[in-house]
C-alpha atoms as a PDB file:
ATOM      1  CA  MET A   1      15.802   6.794  32.781  1.00  0.00           C
ATOM      2  CA  ILE A   2      12.649   7.364  31.254  1.00  0.00           C
ATOM      3  CA  ASN A   3       9.457   6.737  33.037  1.00  0.00           C
ATOM      4  CA  GLN A   4       6.917   4.443  33.262  1.00  0.00           C
ATOM      5  CA  ALA A   5       3.971   6.204  31.167  1.00  0.00           C
ATOM      6  CA  ALA A   6       6.779   6.683  28.369  1.00  0.00           C
ATOM      7  CA  ILE A   7       8.153   3.238  28.063  1.00  0.00           C
ATOM      8  CA  GLU A   8       3.931   2.468  27.955  1.00  0.00           C
ATOM      9  CA  SER A   9       3.416   4.881  25.530  1.00  0.00           C
ATOM     10  CA  MET A  10       6.236   4.133  23.651  1.00  0.00           C
ATOM     11  CA  GLU A  11       5.752   0.729  23.084  1.00  0.00           C
ATOM     12  CA  ARG A  12       2.453   1.624  21.789  1.00  0.00           C
ATOM     13  CA  GLU A  13       4.198   3.784  19.245  1.00  0.00           C
ATOM     14  CA  ILE A  14       6.121   0.528  18.218  1.00  0.00           C
ATOM     15  CA  LYS A  15       3.320  -1.616  17.739  1.00  0.00           C
ATOM     16  CA  ASN A  16       1.642   1.059  15.926  1.00  0.00           C
ATOM     17  CA  TYR A  17       4.625   1.057  13.533  1.00  0.00           C
ATOM     18  CA  TYR A  18       4.484  -2.201  12.522  1.00  0.00           C
ATOM     19  CA  ARG A  19       0.677  -1.768  12.253  1.00  0.00           C
ATOM     20  CA  ARG A  20       1.030   0.849   9.152  1.00  0.00           C
ATOM     21  CA  MET A  21       3.859  -1.640   7.498  1.00  0.00           C
ATOM     22  CA  ILE A  22       1.569  -4.143   7.343  1.00  0.00           C
ATOM     23  CA  GLU A  23      -1.374  -1.416   5.995  1.00  0.00           C
ATOM     24  CA  ILE A  24       2.165  -0.277   3.584  1.00  0.00           C
ATOM     25  CA  ASP A  25       1.720  -3.411   2.211  1.00  0.00           C
ATOM     26  CA  ARG A  26      -1.268  -3.967   1.145  1.00  0.00           C
ATOM     27  CA  LEU A  27      -1.464  -0.816   0.104  1.00  0.00           C
ATOM     28  CA  LYS A  28       1.307  -1.669  -2.532  1.00  0.00           C
ATOM     29  CA  ASN A  29      -0.438  -4.698  -3.568  1.00  0.00           C
ATOM     30  CA  LYS A  30      -3.559  -2.651  -4.151  1.00  0.00           C
ATOM     31  CA  LEU A  31      -1.306  -0.052  -6.569  1.00  0.00           C
ATOM     32  CA  GLY A  32       0.033  -2.963  -8.107  1.00  0.00           C
ATOM     33  CA  ILE A  33      -3.169  -4.422  -9.030  1.00  0.00           C
ATOM     34  CA  LEU A  34      -4.538  -1.192 -10.110  1.00  0.00           C
ATOM     35  CA  GLU A  35      -1.905  -0.145 -12.060  1.00  0.00           C
ATOM     36  CA  THR A  36      -1.860  -3.490 -13.788  1.00  0.00           C
ATOM     37  CA  ARG A  37      -6.002  -2.558 -14.352  1.00  0.00           C
ATOM     38  CA  LYS A  38      -4.825   0.350 -15.567  1.00  0.00           C
ATOM     39  CA  VAL A  39      -2.464  -0.946 -18.387  1.00  0.00           C
ATOM     40  CA  THR A  40      -5.212  -3.213 -19.448  1.00  0.00           C
ATOM     41  CA  VAL A  41      -7.527  -0.720 -19.998  1.00  0.00           C
ATOM     42  CA  GLU A  42      -5.453   2.106 -22.168  1.00  0.00           C
ATOM     43  CA  ASN A  43      -4.778  -1.006 -23.649  1.00  0.00           C
ATOM     44  CA  ASP A  44      -8.506  -1.847 -24.288  1.00  0.00           C
ATOM     45  CA  ILE A  45      -8.847   1.815 -25.331  1.00  0.00           C
ATOM     46  CA  LYS A  46      -5.328   1.935 -27.624  1.00  0.00           C
ATOM     47  CA  ASN A  47      -6.497  -1.197 -29.285  1.00  0.00           C
ATOM     48  CA  SER A  48     -10.310  -0.522 -29.684  1.00  0.00           C
ATOM     49  CA  ASN A  49     -10.872  -4.121 -27.884  1.00  0.00           C
ATOM     50  CA  ILE A  50     -14.497  -3.644 -28.162  1.00  0.00           C
ATOM     51  CA  ASN A  51     -16.587  -5.821 -28.958  1.00  0.00           C
ATOM     52  CA  LEU A  52     -20.149  -4.875 -30.271  1.00  0.00           C
ATOM     53  CA  ASP A  53     -23.252  -6.316 -30.098  1.00  0.00           C
ATOM     54  CA  PRO A  54     -23.756  -8.078 -33.755  1.00  0.00           C
ATOM     55  CA  ASP A  55     -27.220  -7.773 -33.909  1.00  0.00           C
ATOM     56  CA  LEU A  56     -27.030  -4.396 -34.182  1.00  0.00           C
ATOM     57  CA  HIS A  57     -25.847  -4.697 -38.018  1.00  0.00           C
ATOM     58  CA  GLY A  58     -23.230  -1.969 -38.600  1.00  0.00           C
ATOM     59  CA  GLY A  59     -21.483  -3.438 -41.270  1.00  0.00           C
ATOM     60  CA  SER A  60     -22.245  -2.477 -45.371  1.00  0.00           C
ATOM     61  CA  PRO A  61     -24.343  -6.029 -47.146  1.00  0.00           C
ATOM     62  CA  ASP A  62     -20.961  -7.454 -48.126  1.00  0.00           C
ATOM     63  CA  GLY A  63     -19.788  -7.333 -45.228  1.00  0.00           C
ATOM     64  CA  ASN A  64     -16.518  -4.576 -44.949  1.00  0.00           C
ATOM     65  CA  GLY A  65     -16.202  -2.304 -42.705  1.00  0.00           C
ATOM     66  CA  ILE A  66     -19.094   0.033 -41.166  1.00  0.00           C
ATOM     67  CA  ARG A  67     -21.723   1.844 -43.160  1.00  0.00           C
ATOM     68  CA  ALA A  68     -21.335   5.764 -42.751  1.00  0.00           C
ATOM     69  CA  SER A  69     -24.858   6.720 -42.563  1.00  0.00           C
ATOM     70  CA  GLY A  70     -28.314   5.123 -41.719  1.00  0.00           C
ATOM     71  CA  PRO A  71     -29.903   4.121 -38.340  1.00  0.00           C
ATOM     72  CA  ALA A  72     -27.609   0.572 -38.189  1.00  0.00           C
ATOM     73  CA  ALA A  73     -24.671   2.879 -38.092  1.00  0.00           C
ATOM     74  CA  SER A  74     -25.974   5.537 -35.722  1.00  0.00           C
ATOM     75  CA  GLN A  75     -26.898   2.288 -33.551  1.00  0.00           C
ATOM     76  CA  GLN A  76     -23.009   0.635 -34.413  1.00  0.00           C
ATOM     77  CA  GLU A  77     -21.695   4.251 -33.074  1.00  0.00           C
ATOM     78  CA  LYS A  78     -23.622   4.831 -30.398  1.00  0.00           C
ATOM     79  CA  ALA A  79     -22.838   1.107 -28.511  1.00  0.00           C
ATOM     80  CA  LEU A  80     -19.104   2.299 -29.910  1.00  0.00           C
ATOM     81  CA  ASP A  81     -19.514   5.665 -28.497  1.00  0.00           C
ATOM     82  CA  SER A  82     -20.677   4.288 -25.024  1.00  0.00           C
ATOM     83  CA  ALA A  83     -18.033   1.231 -24.912  1.00  0.00           C
ATOM     84  CA  PHE A  84     -15.122   4.748 -25.526  1.00  0.00           C
ATOM     85  CA  ILE A  85     -16.878   6.670 -22.313  1.00  0.00           C
ATOM     86  CA  LYS A  86     -17.139   3.574 -20.029  1.00  0.00           C
ATOM     87  CA  LEU A  87     -13.485   2.781 -20.791  1.00  0.00           C
ATOM     88  CA  GLU A  88     -12.161   6.184 -19.474  1.00  0.00           C
ATOM     89  CA  LYS A  89     -14.986   6.123 -16.755  1.00  0.00           C
ATOM     90  CA  GLU A  90     -12.923   3.078 -15.334  1.00  0.00           C
ATOM     91  CA  LEU A  91      -9.769   4.967 -16.637  1.00  0.00           C
ATOM     92  CA  ARG A  92     -10.233   8.242 -14.842  1.00  0.00           C
ATOM     93  CA  HIS A  93     -11.676   6.199 -11.726  1.00  0.00           C
ATOM     94  CA  ILE A  94      -8.387   3.357 -11.733  1.00  0.00           C
ATOM     95  CA  ASN A  95      -6.166   6.942 -11.857  1.00  0.00           C
ATOM     96  CA  ASN A  96      -7.810   8.323  -9.015  1.00  0.00           C
ATOM     97  CA  GLU A  97      -7.543   5.356  -7.061  1.00  0.00           C
ATOM     98  CA  ILE A  98      -4.204   5.030  -7.533  1.00  0.00           C
ATOM     99  CA  LEU A  99      -3.228   8.376  -6.679  1.00  0.00           C
ATOM    100  CA  GLY A 100      -5.336   8.229  -3.392  1.00  0.00           C
ATOM    101  CA  VAL A 101      -3.844   4.990  -2.797  1.00  0.00           C
ATOM    102  CA  LYS A 102      -0.085   6.459  -3.025  1.00  0.00           C
ATOM    103  CA  SER A 103      -1.238   9.544  -0.724  1.00  0.00           C
ATOM    104  CA  ASP A 104      -2.001   7.010   2.042  1.00  0.00           C
ATOM    105  CA  ILE A 105       1.909   5.435   1.448  1.00  0.00           C
ATOM    106  CA  ARG A 106       3.210   8.534   1.906  1.00  0.00           C
ATOM    107  CA  ALA A 107       0.791   8.982   4.853  1.00  0.00           C
ATOM    108  CA  LEU A 108       1.929   6.534   6.279  1.00  0.00           C
ATOM    109  CA  GLU A 109       5.691   6.417   5.468  1.00  0.00           C
ATOM    110  CA  TYR A 110       5.705   9.496   7.106  1.00  0.00           C
ATOM    111  CA  GLU A 111       3.888   8.983  10.441  1.00  0.00           C
ATOM    112  CA  ASN A 112       6.670   6.347  10.615  1.00  0.00           C
ATOM    113  CA  PHE A 113       9.425   8.340   9.842  1.00  0.00           C
ATOM    114  CA  ASP A 114      10.508   8.901  13.616  1.00  0.00           C
ATOM    115  CA  ILE A 115      10.684   5.082  14.880  1.00  0.00           C
ATOM    116  CA  GLU A 116      12.174   4.313  12.177  1.00  0.00           C
ATOM    117  CA  PHE A 117      15.189   6.906  12.205  1.00  0.00           C
ATOM    118  CA  ALA A 118      15.479   5.869  15.728  1.00  0.00           C
ATOM    119  CA  LEU A 119      14.971   1.896  14.807  1.00  0.00           C
ATOM    120  CA  ASN A 120      17.890   2.043  12.220  1.00  0.00           C
ATOM    121  CA  LYS A 121      19.966   3.998  14.935  1.00  0.00           C
ATOM    122  CA  LEU A 122      19.755   0.132  17.079  1.00  0.00           C
ATOM    123  CA  ASP A 123      22.073  -2.588  16.990  1.00  0.00           C
ATOM    124  CA  ASP A 124      21.389  -5.136  15.583  1.00  0.00           C
ATOM    125  CA  VAL A 125      20.250  -7.387  18.514  1.00  0.00           C
ATOM    126  CA  SER A 126      17.939  -4.885  19.536  1.00  0.00           C
ATOM    127  CA  ARG A 127      16.247  -4.459  16.055  1.00  0.00           C
ATOM    128  CA  GLN A 128      15.858  -8.233  16.132  1.00  0.00           C
ATOM    129  CA  PHE A 129      14.600  -7.534  19.813  1.00  0.00           C
ATOM    130  CA  VAL A 130      11.758  -5.053  18.848  1.00  0.00           C
ATOM    131  CA  ASN A 131      11.223  -6.995  15.452  1.00  0.00           C
ATOM    132  CA  LEU A 132       9.883 -10.472  18.021  1.00  0.00           C
ATOM    133  CA  LYS A 133       8.653  -8.320  20.758  1.00  0.00           C
ATOM    134  CA  TYR A 134       6.323  -6.264  18.837  1.00  0.00           C
ATOM    135  CA  ASN A 135       6.499  -7.447  15.392  1.00  0.00           C
ATOM    136  CA  LYS A 136       6.269 -10.794  16.046  1.00  0.00           C
ATOM    137  CA  LEU A 137       4.515 -10.142  19.403  1.00  0.00           C
ATOM    138  CA  LEU A 138       6.938 -12.480  20.979  1.00  0.00           C
ATOM    139  CA  GLY A 139       6.745 -13.127  25.145  1.00  0.00           C
ATOM    140  CA  ASN A 140      10.265 -12.688  26.374  1.00  0.00           C
ATOM    141  CA  ALA A 141      10.761 -16.547  26.750  1.00  0.00           C
ATOM    142  CA  LYS A 142       9.956 -17.272  23.456  1.00  0.00           C
ATOM    143  CA  ILE A 143      12.610 -14.181  22.559  1.00  0.00           C
ATOM    144  CA  SER A 144      15.123 -15.730  25.079  1.00  0.00           C
ATOM    145  CA  ASP A 145      15.493 -18.508  23.107  1.00  0.00           C
ATOM    146  CA  SER A 146      15.600 -16.860  19.806  1.00  0.00           C
ATOM    147  CA  LEU A 147      18.209 -14.460  20.900  1.00  0.00           C
ATOM    148  CA  PRO A 148      21.186 -15.780  22.892  1.00  0.00           C
ATOM    149  CA  LEU A 149      19.591 -14.202  26.067  1.00  0.00           C
ATOM    150  CA  SER A 150      18.685 -15.049  29.328  1.00  0.00           C
ATOM    151  CA  GLU A 151      15.032 -13.887  30.020  1.00  0.00           C
ATOM    152  CA  SER A 152      16.045 -10.996  32.592  1.00  0.00           C
ATOM    153  CA  THR A 153      18.438 -10.176  30.019  1.00  0.00           C
ATOM    154  CA  VAL A 154      15.351  -9.981  27.565  1.00  0.00           C
ATOM    155  CA  TYR A 155      13.723  -7.766  30.187  1.00  0.00           C
ATOM    156  CA  ARG A 156      16.206  -5.188  30.801  1.00  0.00           C
ATOM    157  CA  LEU A 157      16.872  -5.192  27.384  1.00  0.00           C
ATOM    158  CA  ARG A 158      13.248  -4.169  26.820  1.00  0.00           C
ATOM    159  CA  ILE A 159      13.760  -1.388  29.230  1.00  0.00           C
ATOM    160  CA  LYS A 160      16.876   0.044  26.828  1.00  0.00           C
ATOM    161  CA  VAL A 161      15.844  -0.219  23.445  1.00  0.00           C
ATOM    162  CA  LEU A 162      12.358   1.522  24.692  1.00  0.00           C
ATOM    163  CA  THR A 163      14.933   4.167  26.345  1.00  0.00           C
ATOM    164  CA  ASP A 164      17.330   4.607  23.386  1.00  0.00           C
ATOM    165  CA  ILE A 165      14.208   5.498  20.412  1.00  0.00           C
ATOM    166  CA  THR A 166      12.685   7.232  23.116  1.00  0.00           C
ATOM    167  CA  GLY A 167      16.072   9.585  23.153  1.00  0.00           C
ATOM    168  CA  TYR A 168      16.891   9.396  19.098  1.00  0.00           C
ATOM    169  CA  ILE A 169      13.145  10.630  18.901  1.00  0.00           C
ATOM    170  CA  MET A 170      13.557  13.217  21.405  1.00  0.00           C
ATOM    171  CA  PHE A 171      17.253  14.416  19.878  1.00  0.00           C
ATOM    172  CA  ALA A 172      16.157  13.884  16.323  1.00  0.00           C
ATOM    173  CA  SER A 173      12.992  16.193  17.381  1.00  0.00           C
ATOM    174  CA  LYS A 174      14.895  18.773  18.837  1.00  0.00           C
ATOM    175  CA  LYS A 175      17.079  19.879  15.866  1.00  0.00           C
END
């Protein structure tokens, strides 16, 4: 039997586990958005989807192509260079953000490793209990309504589950 302080500590750790899972989901969503932005910027660079200011008059008098000399061509080239530089800067920024988000996800998953290991060792009813109690934040009465258990059994299950999780984590950390 574990003491009350250990039970409270394990409950905090399980609640933190679920908070980290929510944060991982949020970061994975952000990662998807960043990946989409990255593809868009890469396509803009590849396909040169850059709209130059028509007032720069960089074209030849007959309207075909860009002139290779003169101040107008220089302005057009500067505008094109500036647009590409902005896109490349945006792409670098997006890539850095992607790396940071991936790193954050890995760190959170690493923090969750022990609890996840212990939760996977529990039987189905115990896992459902943990989900209802610490993820859904239901009280014993609501849990007893959701699971085919009395309130007193739910209370005893709480102690058993927390003891089991603590035991699994302690056993795993000794190896």
